[in-house]
Amino acid sequence: MSQKQSPEDHVNEEPRNDFQDTFKGFGVSFGIFFLIALLATIIKAVM
């Protein structure tokens, strides 16, 4: 109990690249929304 723990001492067990994760998330979301919009446009044009 006498040992003080500091957040700086914490070892990151699983290092992550937050920028890359965010970029992938936006990319996947954009791709899905783009496909939905494309399908809606095609369906609307055919009708």
N, C-alpha and C. Protein backbone atom coordinates (compact mmCIF):
# COMPACT_ATOMS: atom_id res chain seq x y z
N MET A 1 0.81 -1.19 0.00
CA MET A 1 0.00 0.00 0.00
C MET A 1 0.86 1.26 0.00
N SER A 2 2.13 1.13 0.39
CA SER A 2 2.97 2.32 0.48
C SER A 2 3.45 2.79 -0.89
N GLN A 3 3.32 1.94 -1.90
CA GLN A 3 3.77 2.35 -3.24
C GLN A 3 2.72 3.22 -3.90
N LYS A 4 3.16 4.34 -4.43
CA LYS A 4 2.26 5.23 -5.16
C LYS A 4 2.31 4.84 -6.64
N GLN A 5 1.15 4.76 -7.26
CA GLN A 5 1.12 4.42 -8.68
C GLN A 5 0.77 5.67 -9.48
N SER A 6 1.52 5.87 -10.52
CA SER A 6 1.34 7.05 -11.36
C SER A 6 0.81 6.59 -12.73
N PRO A 7 -0.07 7.37 -13.35
CA PRO A 7 -0.55 7.01 -14.69
C PRO A 7 0.59 6.90 -15.71
N GLU A 8 1.67 7.67 -15.49
CA GLU A 8 2.80 7.61 -16.41
C GLU A 8 3.54 6.27 -16.34
N ASP A 9 3.38 5.56 -15.23
CA ASP A 9 4.05 4.27 -15.07
C ASP A 9 3.31 3.13 -15.76
N HIS A 10 2.10 3.40 -16.20
CA HIS A 10 1.29 2.36 -16.81
C HIS A 10 1.91 1.90 -18.14
N VAL A 11 2.03 0.60 -18.30
CA VAL A 11 2.57 0.04 -19.53
C VAL A 11 1.40 -0.22 -20.48
N ASN A 12 1.51 0.30 -21.68
CA ASN A 12 0.45 0.11 -22.67
C ASN A 12 0.59 -1.28 -23.26
N GLU A 13 -0.28 -2.21 -22.85
CA GLU A 13 -0.17 -3.59 -23.30
C GLU A 13 -0.47 -3.74 -24.79
N GLU A 14 -1.38 -2.91 -25.28
CA GLU A 14 -1.82 -3.05 -26.66
C GLU A 14 -1.76 -1.68 -27.33
N PRO A 15 -0.60 -1.30 -27.85
CA PRO A 15 -0.48 0.03 -28.46
C PRO A 15 -1.37 0.15 -29.69
N ARG A 16 -2.03 1.28 -29.83
CA ARG A 16 -2.93 1.51 -30.94
C ARG A 16 -2.59 2.84 -31.61
N ASN A 17 -2.94 2.92 -32.88
CA ASN A 17 -2.77 4.15 -33.61
C ASN A 17 -4.14 4.79 -33.74
N ASP A 18 -4.43 5.78 -32.89
CA ASP A 18 -5.76 6.38 -32.86
C ASP A 18 -6.11 7.06 -34.18
N PHE A 19 -5.14 7.72 -34.81
CA PHE A 19 -5.42 8.39 -36.08
C PHE A 19 -5.82 7.37 -37.15
N GLN A 20 -5.11 6.27 -37.21
CA GLN A 20 -5.42 5.24 -38.21
C GLN A 20 -6.78 4.61 -37.93
N ASP A 21 -7.09 4.36 -36.67
CA ASP A 21 -8.40 3.80 -36.31
C ASP A 21 -9.52 4.75 -36.69
N THR A 22 -9.33 6.05 -36.42
CA THR A 22 -10.34 7.04 -36.77
C THR A 22 -10.50 7.13 -38.28
N PHE A 23 -9.39 7.13 -39.00
CA PHE A 23 -9.42 7.21 -40.46
C PHE A 23 -10.15 6.01 -41.06
N LYS A 24 -9.87 4.82 -40.53
CA LYS A 24 -10.56 3.61 -41.01
C LYS A 24 -12.06 3.69 -40.72
N GLY A 25 -12.41 4.17 -39.54
CA GLY A 25 -13.82 4.29 -39.17
C GLY A 25 -14.57 5.23 -40.10
N PHE A 26 -13.98 6.40 -40.37
CA PHE A 26 -14.61 7.34 -41.28
C PHE A 26 -14.69 6.76 -42.69
N GLY A 27 -13.64 6.05 -43.10
CA GLY A 27 -13.62 5.45 -44.44
C GLY A 27 -14.72 4.40 -44.61
N VAL A 28 -14.87 3.54 -43.62
CA VAL A 28 -15.90 2.51 -43.69
C VAL A 28 -17.29 3.14 -43.67
N SER A 29 -17.50 4.13 -42.81
CA SER A 29 -18.79 4.81 -42.75
C SER A 29 -19.11 5.49 -44.08
N PHE A 30 -18.12 6.18 -44.64
CA PHE A 30 -18.32 6.85 -45.92
C PHE A 30 -18.66 5.83 -47.01
N GLY A 31 -17.96 4.70 -47.03
CA GLY A 31 -18.21 3.67 -48.03
C GLY A 31 -19.62 3.11 -47.94
N ILE A 32 -20.08 2.84 -46.73
CA ILE A 32 -21.42 2.29 -46.55
C ILE A 32 -22.48 3.31 -46.97
N PHE A 33 -22.31 4.56 -46.53
CA PHE A 33 -23.28 5.60 -46.90
C PHE A 33 -23.27 5.86 -48.40
N PHE A 34 -22.08 5.79 -49.01
CA PHE A 34 -21.97 5.98 -50.46
C PHE A 34 -22.71 4.87 -51.20
N LEU A 35 -22.56 3.64 -50.76
CA LEU A 35 -23.26 2.53 -51.40
C LEU A 35 -24.77 2.67 -51.25
N ILE A 36 -25.23 3.07 -50.09
CA ILE A 36 -26.67 3.26 -49.87
C ILE A 36 -27.20 4.35 -50.81
N ALA A 37 -26.46 5.48 -50.90
CA ALA A 37 -26.88 6.57 -51.78
C ALA A 37 -26.85 6.14 -53.23
N LEU A 38 -25.84 5.38 -53.62
CA LEU A 38 -25.74 4.90 -55.00
C LEU A 38 -26.90 3.97 -55.35
N LEU A 39 -27.20 3.04 -54.45
CA LEU A 39 -28.32 2.13 -54.69
C LEU A 39 -29.64 2.88 -54.75
N ALA A 40 -29.83 3.86 -53.87
CA ALA A 40 -31.06 4.64 -53.88
C ALA A 40 -31.19 5.42 -55.19
N THR A 41 -30.08 5.96 -55.70
CA THR A 41 -30.09 6.71 -56.96
C THR A 41 -30.43 5.78 -58.13
N ILE A 42 -29.85 4.61 -58.13
CA ILE A 42 -30.11 3.65 -59.22
C ILE A 42 -31.58 3.22 -59.19
N ILE A 43 -32.07 2.90 -58.00
CA ILE A 43 -33.48 2.48 -57.88
C ILE A 43 -34.41 3.61 -58.32
N LYS A 44 -34.11 4.83 -57.91
CA LYS A 44 -34.93 5.98 -58.28
C LYS A 44 -34.90 6.22 -59.79
N ALA A 45 -33.74 6.04 -60.42
CA ALA A 45 -33.60 6.25 -61.86
C ALA A 45 -34.34 5.19 -62.67
N VAL A 46 -34.38 3.97 -62.16
CA VAL A 46 -35.03 2.88 -62.87
C VAL A 46 -36.56 3.03 -62.80
N MET A 47 -37.07 3.53 -61.70
CA MET A 47 -38.52 3.66 -61.53
C MET A 47 -39.07 4.81 -62.27
